[in-house]
C-alpha atoms as a PDB file:
ATOM      1  CA  UNK A   1     117.669 100.753  78.752  1.00  0.00           C
ATOM      2  CA  UNK A   2     116.330 101.578  75.325  1.00  0.00           C
ATOM      3  CA  UNK A   3     117.633 104.749  73.708  1.00  0.00           C
ATOM      4  CA  UNK A   4     115.671 107.682  75.118  1.00  0.00           C
ATOM      5  CA  UNK A   5     117.760 110.141  73.116  1.00  0.00           C
ATOM      6  CA  UNK A   6     116.254 108.949  69.849  1.00  0.00           C
ATOM      7  CA  UNK A   7     115.217 112.064  67.946  1.00  0.00           C
ATOM      8  CA  UNK A   8     113.409 110.471  64.993  1.00  0.00           C
ATOM      9  CA  UNK A   9     110.274 112.406  64.085  1.00  0.00           C
ATOM     10  CA  UNK A  10     108.234 109.200  64.171  1.00  0.00           C
ATOM     11  CA  UNK A  11     109.285 108.193  67.683  1.00  0.00           C
ATOM     12  CA  UNK A  12     107.976 109.740  70.917  1.00  0.00           C
ATOM     13  CA  UNK A  13     110.200 109.341  73.969  1.00  0.00           C
ATOM     14  CA  UNK A  14     108.295 107.257  76.518  1.00  0.00           C
ATOM     15  CA  UNK A  15     108.915 107.009  80.264  1.00  0.00           C
ATOM     16  CA  UNK A  16     107.310 104.207  82.265  1.00  0.00           C
ATOM     17  CA  UNK A  17     107.225 104.383  86.049  1.00  0.00           C
ATOM     18  CA  UNK A  18     106.958 101.119  87.963  1.00  0.00           C
ATOM     19  CA  UNK A  19     106.130 101.585  91.670  1.00  0.00           C
ATOM     20  CA  UNK A  20     106.690  98.477  93.788  1.00  0.00           C
ATOM     21  CA  UNK A  21     106.852  97.234  97.359  1.00  0.00           C
ATOM     22  CA  UNK A  22     107.597  93.587  98.193  1.00  0.00           C
ATOM     23  CA  UNK A  23     106.338  92.041  94.970  1.00  0.00           C
ATOM     24  CA  UNK A  24     109.029  89.547  94.027  1.00  0.00           C
ATOM     25  CA  UNK A  25     106.405  87.300  92.396  1.00  0.00           C
ATOM     26  CA  UNK A  26     105.296  89.755  89.694  1.00  0.00           C
ATOM     27  CA  UNK A  27     107.867  92.536  89.219  1.00  0.00           C
ATOM     28  CA  UNK A  28     109.928  90.593  86.668  1.00  0.00           C
ATOM     29  CA  UNK A  29     106.892  89.969  84.459  1.00  0.00           C
ATOM     30  CA  UNK A  30     106.155  93.703  84.504  1.00  0.00           C
ATOM     31  CA  UNK A  31     109.719  94.638  83.554  1.00  0.00           C
ATOM     32  CA  UNK A  32     109.851  92.034  80.787  1.00  0.00           C
ATOM     33  CA  UNK A  33     106.597  93.323  79.277  1.00  0.00           C
ATOM     34  CA  UNK A  34     108.218  96.739  78.849  1.00  0.00           C
ATOM     35  CA  UNK A  35     111.508  95.391  77.502  1.00  0.00           C
ATOM     36  CA  UNK A  36     109.594  93.302  74.945  1.00  0.00           C
ATOM     37  CA  UNK A  37     107.998  96.381  73.347  1.00  0.00           C
ATOM     38  CA  UNK A  38     108.954  97.152  69.742  1.00  0.00           C
ATOM     39  CA  UNK A  39     109.651 100.798  70.547  1.00  0.00           C
ATOM     40  CA  UNK A  40     113.270 101.924  70.726  1.00  0.00           C
ATOM     41  CA  UNK A  41     112.896 104.930  73.030  1.00  0.00           C
ATOM     42  CA  UNK A  42     111.654 103.747  76.420  1.00  0.00           C
ATOM     43  CA  UNK A  43     112.932 104.912  79.797  1.00  0.00           C
ATOM     44  CA  UNK A  44     112.224 102.549  82.712  1.00  0.00           C
ATOM     45  CA  UNK A  45     111.985 104.120  86.170  1.00  0.00           C
ATOM     46  CA  UNK A  46     111.415 101.883  89.191  1.00  0.00           C
ATOM     47  CA  UNK A  47     110.408 103.404  92.532  1.00  0.00           C
ATOM     48  CA  UNK A  48     110.692 100.809  95.289  1.00  0.00           C
ATOM     49  CA  UNK A  49     109.230 101.565  98.703  1.00  0.00           C
ATOM     50  CA  UNK A  50     111.863  99.626 100.653  1.00  0.00           C
ATOM     51  CA  UNK A  51     111.270  95.996  99.686  1.00  0.00           C
ATOM     52  CA  UNK A  52     112.735  93.216 101.818  1.00  0.00           C
ATOM     53  CA  UNK A  53     111.410  90.117  99.993  1.00  0.00           C
ATOM     54  CA  UNK A  54     113.841  89.746  97.091  1.00  0.00           C
ATOM     55  CA  UNK A  55     112.302  92.394  94.825  1.00  0.00           C
ATOM     56  CA  UNK A  56     115.582  94.348  94.781  1.00  0.00           C
ATOM     57  CA  UNK A  57     117.436  91.281  93.509  1.00  0.00           C
ATOM     58  CA  UNK A  58     115.104  91.173  90.507  1.00  0.00           C
ATOM     59  CA  UNK A  59     115.535  94.909  89.883  1.00  0.00           C
ATOM     60  CA  UNK A  60     119.334  94.626  90.005  1.00  0.00           C
ATOM     61  CA  UNK A  61     119.163  91.756  87.497  1.00  0.00           C
ATOM     62  CA  UNK A  62     117.928  94.306  84.927  1.00  0.00           C
ATOM     63  CA  UNK A  63     120.081  97.169  86.175  1.00  0.00           C
ATOM     64  CA  UNK A  64     121.701  97.806  82.765  1.00  0.00           C
ATOM     65  CA  UNK A  65     118.261  98.126  81.132  1.00  0.00           C
ATOM     66  CA  UNK A  66     116.730 100.422  83.757  1.00  0.00           C
ATOM     67  CA  UNK A  67     117.267 104.182  83.471  1.00  0.00           C
ATOM     68  CA  UNK A  68     116.732 104.887  87.173  1.00  0.00           C
ATOM     69  CA  UNK A  69     115.705 103.026  90.294  1.00  0.00           C
ATOM     70  CA  UNK A  70     115.625 103.806  93.976  1.00  0.00           C
ATOM     71  CA  UNK A  71     114.628 101.956  97.122  1.00  0.00           C
ATOM     72  CA  UNK A  72     113.514 103.953 100.144  1.00  0.00           C
ATOM     73  CA  UNK A  73     110.466 104.404 102.327  1.00  0.00           C
ATOM     74  CA  UNK A  74     107.857 106.753 100.935  1.00  0.00           C
ATOM     75  CA  UNK A  75     104.621 108.380 102.060  1.00  0.00           C
ATOM     76  CA  UNK A  76     102.395 106.073 100.031  1.00  0.00           C
ATOM     77  CA  UNK A  77     101.517 105.262  96.443  1.00  0.00           C
ATOM     78  CA  UNK A  78     100.989 108.900  95.421  1.00  0.00           C
ATOM     79  CA  UNK A  79     104.456 109.766  96.714  1.00  0.00           C
ATOM     80  CA  UNK A  80     105.959 106.919  94.667  1.00  0.00           C
ATOM     81  CA  UNK A  81     104.114 108.085  91.533  1.00  0.00           C
ATOM     82  CA  UNK A  82     105.345 111.638  92.038  1.00  0.00           C
ATOM     83  CA  UNK A  83     108.955 110.600  92.587  1.00  0.00           C
ATOM     84  CA  UNK A  84     108.882 108.747  89.283  1.00  0.00           C
ATOM     85  CA  UNK A  85     107.283 111.611  87.373  1.00  0.00           C
ATOM     86  CA  UNK A  86     109.941 114.010  88.634  1.00  0.00           C
ATOM     87  CA  UNK A  87     112.633 111.717  87.244  1.00  0.00           C
ATOM     88  CA  UNK A  88     110.904 111.125  83.896  1.00  0.00           C
ATOM     89  CA  UNK A  89     112.527 112.610  80.794  1.00  0.00           C
ATOM     90  CA  UNK A  90     110.076 111.278  78.236  1.00  0.00           C
ATOM     91  CA  UNK A  91     107.452 113.332  76.432  1.00  0.00           C
ATOM     92  CA  UNK A  92     104.898 110.623  77.228  1.00  0.00           C
ATOM     93  CA  UNK A  93     104.591 109.140  80.729  1.00  0.00           C
ATOM     94  CA  UNK A  94     102.970 105.890  81.830  1.00  0.00           C
ATOM     95  CA  UNK A  95     102.587 104.296  85.255  1.00  0.00           C
ATOM     96  CA  UNK A  96     102.597 100.506  85.387  1.00  0.00           C
ATOM     97  CA  UNK A  97     102.068  98.857  88.758  1.00  0.00           C
ATOM     98  CA  UNK A  98     104.182  95.804  89.520  1.00  0.00           C
ATOM     99  CA  UNK A  99     101.180  93.436  89.383  1.00  0.00           C
ATOM    100  CA  UNK A 100     100.319  94.576  85.867  1.00  0.00           C
ATOM    101  CA  UNK A 101     101.924  94.340  82.438  1.00  0.00           C
ATOM    102  CA  UNK A 102     101.645  95.684  78.910  1.00  0.00           C
ATOM    103  CA  UNK A 103     100.352  93.697  75.980  1.00  0.00           C
ATOM    104  CA  UNK A 104     102.699  93.072  73.078  1.00  0.00           C
ATOM    105  CA  UNK A 105     102.855  96.093  70.761  1.00  0.00           C
ATOM    106  CA  UNK A 106     101.299  98.532  73.243  1.00  0.00           C
ATOM    107  CA  UNK A 107     104.059 101.154  73.028  1.00  0.00           C
ATOM    108  CA  UNK A 108     104.021 101.066  69.206  1.00  0.00           C
ATOM    109  CA  UNK A 109     100.235 101.523  69.087  1.00  0.00           C
ATOM    110  CA  UNK A 110     100.292 104.426  71.567  1.00  0.00           C
ATOM    111  CA  UNK A 111     103.208 106.066  69.744  1.00  0.00           C
ATOM    112  CA  UNK A 112     101.347 105.897  66.423  1.00  0.00           C
ATOM    113  CA  UNK A 113      98.201 107.453  67.913  1.00  0.00           C
ATOM    114  CA  UNK A 114     100.082 110.156  69.831  1.00  0.00           C
ATOM    115  CA  UNK A 115     101.963 111.279  66.709  1.00  0.00           C
ATOM    116  CA  UNK A 116      98.682 111.992  64.912  1.00  0.00           C
ATOM    117  CA  UNK A 117      96.813 113.643  67.764  1.00  0.00           C
ATOM    118  CA  UNK A 118      97.229 116.812  69.816  1.00  0.00           C
ATOM    119  CA  UNK A 119      99.598 117.390  72.686  1.00  0.00           C
ATOM    120  CA  UNK A 120      98.231 118.291  76.139  1.00  0.00           C
ATOM    121  CA  UNK A 121      96.404 114.990  75.891  1.00  0.00           C
ATOM    122  CA  UNK A 122      95.784 111.761  77.806  1.00  0.00           C
ATOM    123  CA  UNK A 123      95.604 108.585  75.718  1.00  0.00           C
ATOM    124  CA  UNK A 124      93.734 105.641  77.196  1.00  0.00           C
ATOM    125  CA  UNK A 125      92.696 102.162  76.130  1.00  0.00           C
ATOM    126  CA  UNK A 126      91.064  98.916  77.168  1.00  0.00           C
ATOM    127  CA  UNK A 127      92.398  96.439  79.685  1.00  0.00           C
ATOM    128  CA  UNK A 128      92.314  92.732  80.344  1.00  0.00           C
ATOM    129  CA  UNK A 129      91.452  91.998  83.973  1.00  0.00           C
ATOM    130  CA  UNK A 130      92.825  88.881  85.625  1.00  0.00           C
ATOM    131  CA  UNK A 131      90.920  87.593  88.654  1.00  0.00           C
ATOM    132  CA  UNK A 132      93.758  86.100  90.721  1.00  0.00           C
ATOM    133  CA  UNK A 133      91.293  83.993  92.748  1.00  0.00           C
ATOM    134  CA  UNK A 134      90.029  82.127  89.664  1.00  0.00           C
ATOM    135  CA  UNK A 135      92.674  83.104  87.035  1.00  0.00           C
ATOM    136  CA  UNK A 136      89.802  84.034  84.733  1.00  0.00           C
ATOM    137  CA  UNK A 137      90.423  86.846  82.240  1.00  0.00           C
ATOM    138  CA  UNK A 138      87.967  89.339  80.835  1.00  0.00           C
ATOM    139  CA  UNK A 139      88.179  92.521  78.803  1.00  0.00           C
ATOM    140  CA  UNK A 140      87.013  95.892  80.114  1.00  0.00           C
ATOM    141  CA  UNK A 141      86.497  98.887  77.860  1.00  0.00           C
ATOM    142  CA  UNK A 142      86.944 102.385  79.289  1.00  0.00           C
ATOM    143  CA  UNK A 143      84.124 104.908  79.323  1.00  0.00           C
ATOM    144  CA  UNK A 144      85.040 108.422  80.393  1.00  0.00           C
ATOM    145  CA  UNK A 145      81.373 109.411  80.704  1.00  0.00           C
ATOM    146  CA  UNK A 146      80.934 106.928  83.560  1.00  0.00           C
ATOM    147  CA  UNK A 147      83.721 108.582  85.542  1.00  0.00           C
ATOM    148  CA  UNK A 148      81.027 110.755  87.167  1.00  0.00           C
ATOM    149  CA  UNK A 149      79.932 107.737  89.211  1.00  0.00           C
ATOM    150  CA  UNK A 150      82.650 105.065  89.190  1.00  0.00           C
ATOM    151  CA  UNK A 151      86.176 104.365  87.987  1.00  0.00           C
ATOM    152  CA  UNK A 152      85.853 103.398  84.336  1.00  0.00           C
ATOM    153  CA  UNK A 153      89.388 104.125  83.111  1.00  0.00           C
ATOM    154  CA  UNK A 154      92.359 101.931  83.862  1.00  0.00           C
ATOM    155  CA  UNK A 155      95.720 103.220  85.046  1.00  0.00           C
ATOM    156  CA  UNK A 156      97.983 100.624  83.341  1.00  0.00           C
ATOM    157  CA  UNK A 157      96.372 101.557  80.004  1.00  0.00           C
ATOM    158  CA  UNK A 158      96.797 105.335  80.395  1.00  0.00           C
ATOM    159  CA  UNK A 159      99.571 107.386  78.751  1.00  0.00           C
ATOM    160  CA  UNK A 160      99.982 111.046  79.668  1.00  0.00           C
ATOM    161  CA  UNK A 161     101.721 113.866  77.843  1.00  0.00           C
ATOM    162  CA  UNK A 162     104.283 115.390  80.189  1.00  0.00           C
ATOM    163  CA  UNK A 163     102.807 118.864  79.810  1.00  0.00           C
ATOM    164  CA  UNK A 164      99.539 117.618  81.359  1.00  0.00           C
ATOM    165  CA  UNK A 165     101.317 117.049  84.679  1.00  0.00           C
ATOM    166  CA  UNK A 166     102.746 120.555  84.450  1.00  0.00           C
ATOM    167  CA  UNK A 167      99.252 121.890  83.879  1.00  0.00           C
ATOM    168  CA  UNK A 168      97.209 120.060  86.542  1.00  0.00           C
ATOM    169  CA  UNK A 169      99.884 119.004  89.037  1.00  0.00           C
ATOM    170  CA  UNK A 170     100.824 115.595  90.353  1.00  0.00           C
ATOM    171  CA  UNK A 171      99.092 113.034  92.559  1.00  0.00           C
ATOM    172  CA  UNK A 172      97.558 114.194  95.827  1.00  0.00           C
ATOM    173  CA  UNK A 173      99.128 112.820  99.010  1.00  0.00           C
ATOM    174  CA  UNK A 174      95.724 113.246 100.681  1.00  0.00           C
ATOM    175  CA  UNK A 175      94.446 110.177  98.818  1.00  0.00           C
ATOM    176  CA  UNK A 176      95.615 106.689  99.812  1.00  0.00           C
ATOM    177  CA  UNK A 177      93.404 104.492  97.606  1.00  0.00           C
ATOM    178  CA  UNK A 178      91.785 106.570  94.842  1.00  0.00           C
ATOM    179  CA  UNK A 179      94.722 108.785  93.943  1.00  0.00           C
ATOM    180  CA  UNK A 180      94.554 107.869  90.246  1.00  0.00           C
ATOM    181  CA  UNK A 181      90.809 108.570  90.166  1.00  0.00           C
ATOM    182  CA  UNK A 182      91.268 111.946  91.842  1.00  0.00           C
ATOM    183  CA  UNK A 183      93.993 112.926  89.372  1.00  0.00           C
ATOM    184  CA  UNK A 184      91.793 111.999  86.404  1.00  0.00           C
ATOM    185  CA  UNK A 185      88.861 113.914  87.905  1.00  0.00           C
ATOM    186  CA  UNK A 186      91.166 116.922  88.259  1.00  0.00           C
ATOM    187  CA  UNK A 187      92.095 116.607  84.587  1.00  0.00           C
ATOM    188  CA  UNK A 188      88.426 116.439  83.635  1.00  0.00           C
ATOM    189  CA  UNK A 189      87.612 119.577  85.628  1.00  0.00           C
ATOM    190  CA  UNK A 190      90.550 121.345  83.914  1.00  0.00           C
ATOM    191  CA  UNK A 191      89.292 120.390  80.441  1.00  0.00           C
ATOM    192  CA  UNK A 192      92.307 118.229  79.567  1.00  0.00           C
ATOM    193  CA  UNK A 193      91.830 116.392  76.283  1.00  0.00           C
ATOM    194  CA  UNK A 194      91.288 112.623  76.398  1.00  0.00           C
ATOM    195  CA  UNK A 195      91.822 110.366  73.393  1.00  0.00           C
ATOM    196  CA  UNK A 196      90.485 106.798  73.392  1.00  0.00           C
ATOM    197  CA  UNK A 197      92.516 103.991  71.802  1.00  0.00           C
ATOM    198  CA  UNK A 198      90.291 101.087  70.796  1.00  0.00           C
ATOM    199  CA  UNK A 199      92.720  98.343  71.775  1.00  0.00           C
ATOM    200  CA  UNK A 200      93.625  96.287  74.846  1.00  0.00           C
ATOM    201  CA  UNK A 201      96.854  97.884  76.047  1.00  0.00           C
ATOM    202  CA  UNK A 202      97.531  96.176  79.370  1.00  0.00           C
ATOM    203  CA  UNK A 203      96.655  93.350  81.729  1.00  0.00           C
ATOM    204  CA  UNK A 204      95.702  94.183  85.299  1.00  0.00           C
ATOM    205  CA  UNK A 205      95.445  91.842  88.288  1.00  0.00           C
ATOM    206  CA  UNK A 206      92.451  92.238  90.581  1.00  0.00           C
ATOM    207  CA  UNK A 207      93.224  92.291  94.280  1.00  0.00           C
ATOM    208  CA  UNK A 208      95.270  95.484  94.608  1.00  0.00           C
ATOM    209  CA  UNK A 209      95.100  97.956  97.466  1.00  0.00           C
ATOM    210  CA  UNK A 210      91.922  99.614  96.174  1.00  0.00           C
ATOM    211  CA  UNK A 211      90.233  96.204  95.840  1.00  0.00           C
ATOM    212  CA  UNK A 212      91.329  95.088  99.302  1.00  0.00           C
ATOM    213  CA  UNK A 213      90.021  98.267 100.924  1.00  0.00           C
ATOM    214  CA  UNK A 214      87.083  98.796  98.595  1.00  0.00           C
ATOM    215  CA  UNK A 215      84.853 100.875 100.884  1.00  0.00           C
ATOM    216  CA  UNK A 216      87.694 103.247 101.765  1.00  0.00           C
ATOM    217  CA  UNK A 217      88.556 103.550  98.080  1.00  0.00           C
ATOM    218  CA  UNK A 218      84.923 104.195  97.208  1.00  0.00           C
ATOM    219  CA  UNK A 219      84.685 106.846  99.893  1.00  0.00           C
ATOM    220  CA  UNK A 220      87.745 108.621  98.483  1.00  0.00           C
ATOM    221  CA  UNK A 221      86.220 108.392  95.015  1.00  0.00           C
ATOM    222  CA  UNK A 222      83.090 110.112  96.306  1.00  0.00           C
ATOM    223  CA  UNK A 223      85.212 112.841  97.903  1.00  0.00           C
ATOM    224  CA  UNK A 224      87.119 113.352  94.654  1.00  0.00           C
ATOM    225  CA  UNK A 225      83.906 113.765  92.659  1.00  0.00           C
ATOM    226  CA  UNK A 226      82.772 116.496  95.038  1.00  0.00           C
ATOM    227  CA  UNK A 227      86.151 118.225  95.499  1.00  0.00           C
ATOM    228  CA  UNK A 228      86.746 118.444  91.753  1.00  0.00           C
ATOM    229  CA  UNK A 229      83.123 119.380  90.997  1.00  0.00           C
ATOM    230  CA  UNK A 230      82.732 116.459  88.608  1.00  0.00           C
ATOM    231  CA  UNK A 231      79.400 115.467  90.208  1.00  0.00           C
ATOM    232  CA  UNK A 232      77.036 116.928  92.810  1.00  0.00           C
ATOM    233  CA  UNK A 233      77.047 115.826  96.465  1.00  0.00           C
ATOM    234  CA  UNK A 234      73.679 114.136  96.001  1.00  0.00           C
ATOM    235  CA  UNK A 235      74.808 112.222  92.930  1.00  0.00           C
ATOM    236  CA  UNK A 236      78.155 111.306  94.521  1.00  0.00           C
ATOM    237  CA  UNK A 237      76.512 109.959  97.674  1.00  0.00           C
ATOM    238  CA  UNK A 238      74.017 107.974  95.625  1.00  0.00           C
ATOM    239  CA  UNK A 239      76.853 106.377  93.613  1.00  0.00           C
ATOM    240  CA  UNK A 240      78.718 105.542  96.829  1.00  0.00           C
ATOM    241  CA  UNK A 241      75.733 103.702  98.312  1.00  0.00           C
ATOM    242  CA  UNK A 242      74.901 101.956  95.032  1.00  0.00           C
ATOM    243  CA  UNK A 243      78.368 100.549  94.394  1.00  0.00           C
ATOM    244  CA  UNK A 244      79.005  99.705  98.047  1.00  0.00           C
ATOM    245  CA  UNK A 245      75.887  97.523  98.090  1.00  0.00           C
ATOM    246  CA  UNK A 246      76.748  96.025  94.705  1.00  0.00           C
ATOM    247  CA  UNK A 247      80.280  95.156  95.834  1.00  0.00           C
ATOM    248  CA  UNK A 248      79.075  93.550  99.054  1.00  0.00           C
ATOM    249  CA  UNK A 249      76.615  91.458  97.045  1.00  0.00           C
ATOM    250  CA  UNK A 250      79.012  90.344  94.306  1.00  0.00           C
ATOM    251  CA  UNK A 251      81.904  89.671  96.699  1.00  0.00           C
ATOM    252  CA  UNK A 252      79.986  86.769  98.245  1.00  0.00           C
ATOM    253  CA  UNK A 253      81.790  83.570  97.176  1.00  0.00           C
ATOM    254  CA  UNK A 254      78.585  81.680  96.410  1.00  0.00           C
ATOM    255  CA  UNK A 255      77.266  84.522  94.255  1.00  0.00           C
ATOM    256  CA  UNK A 256      80.606  84.750  92.451  1.00  0.00           C
ATOM    257  CA  UNK A 257      80.504  81.037  91.626  1.00  0.00           C
ATOM    258  CA  UNK A 258      76.994  81.369  90.183  1.00  0.00           C
ATOM    259  CA  UNK A 259      78.089  84.417  88.181  1.00  0.00           C
ATOM    260  CA  UNK A 260      81.095  82.513  86.807  1.00  0.00           C
ATOM    261  CA  UNK A 261      78.918  79.566  85.737  1.00  0.00           C
ATOM    262  CA  UNK A 262      76.572  81.942  83.907  1.00  0.00           C
ATOM    263  CA  UNK A 263      79.502  83.652  82.148  1.00  0.00           C
ATOM    264  CA  UNK A 264      81.075  80.328  81.152  1.00  0.00           C
ATOM    265  CA  UNK A 265      77.788  79.086  79.698  1.00  0.00           C
ATOM    266  CA  UNK A 266      77.290  82.342  77.816  1.00  0.00           C
ATOM    267  CA  UNK A 267      80.743  82.008  76.233  1.00  0.00           C
ATOM    268  CA  UNK A 268      79.988  78.444  75.121  1.00  0.00           C
ATOM    269  CA  UNK A 269      76.773  79.605  73.443  1.00  0.00           C
ATOM    270  CA  UNK A 270      78.714  82.271  71.575  1.00  0.00           C
END
């Protein structure tokens, strides 16, 4: 555990919450990416949903470097997020899923930006996606304006001032797939400040719960847009149909292979 009691004026106390359930293959990489940060005030909180595959053995291996961890059944991902937030002591809170990991220097970059910019703020950056089916990597830049139709911000690359949670509340247990989207929509409707960091902050594996149950996730996204008055019913329904059709088209293996060939050729030309 890095020293969370550091009171230097140029260091912001950072809490990172790692929710996990039966992910012995990736959890260690996630933990190591946090421990490797050149930031001496990081609190690691791990919320395990009752793993039985060896995940707990990995967690215990780093017991002396983890501020808090628990292993018990929960009511879903939102519940795990909320448990971690309640335990967090840092002024800045991040959530890093156990399939994902931070890039080197991420905490230092975020700390530097947060020191110079207002509180009551959400800081967000770019991400490197990893397609686990092909192991191909590609960068995605966030665009908050596109949040009115699709998810265009990335949870592993989001850092939230603690006071924002006090202002807008925590994650809704009514959402099983798009809980992070709904929370961001709620922040948008409450005029929370967002600050973009023009750097890749994290790597994220495709194939998570929202990818596996895409249509359900998309349906929850549509509901969030309407419930939080971010977009009209007409616009929300249009976006749902558009991206559902697009996903069904691009998920075809043959189409994906063609797309990959085109991308590979484009990179060679560049």
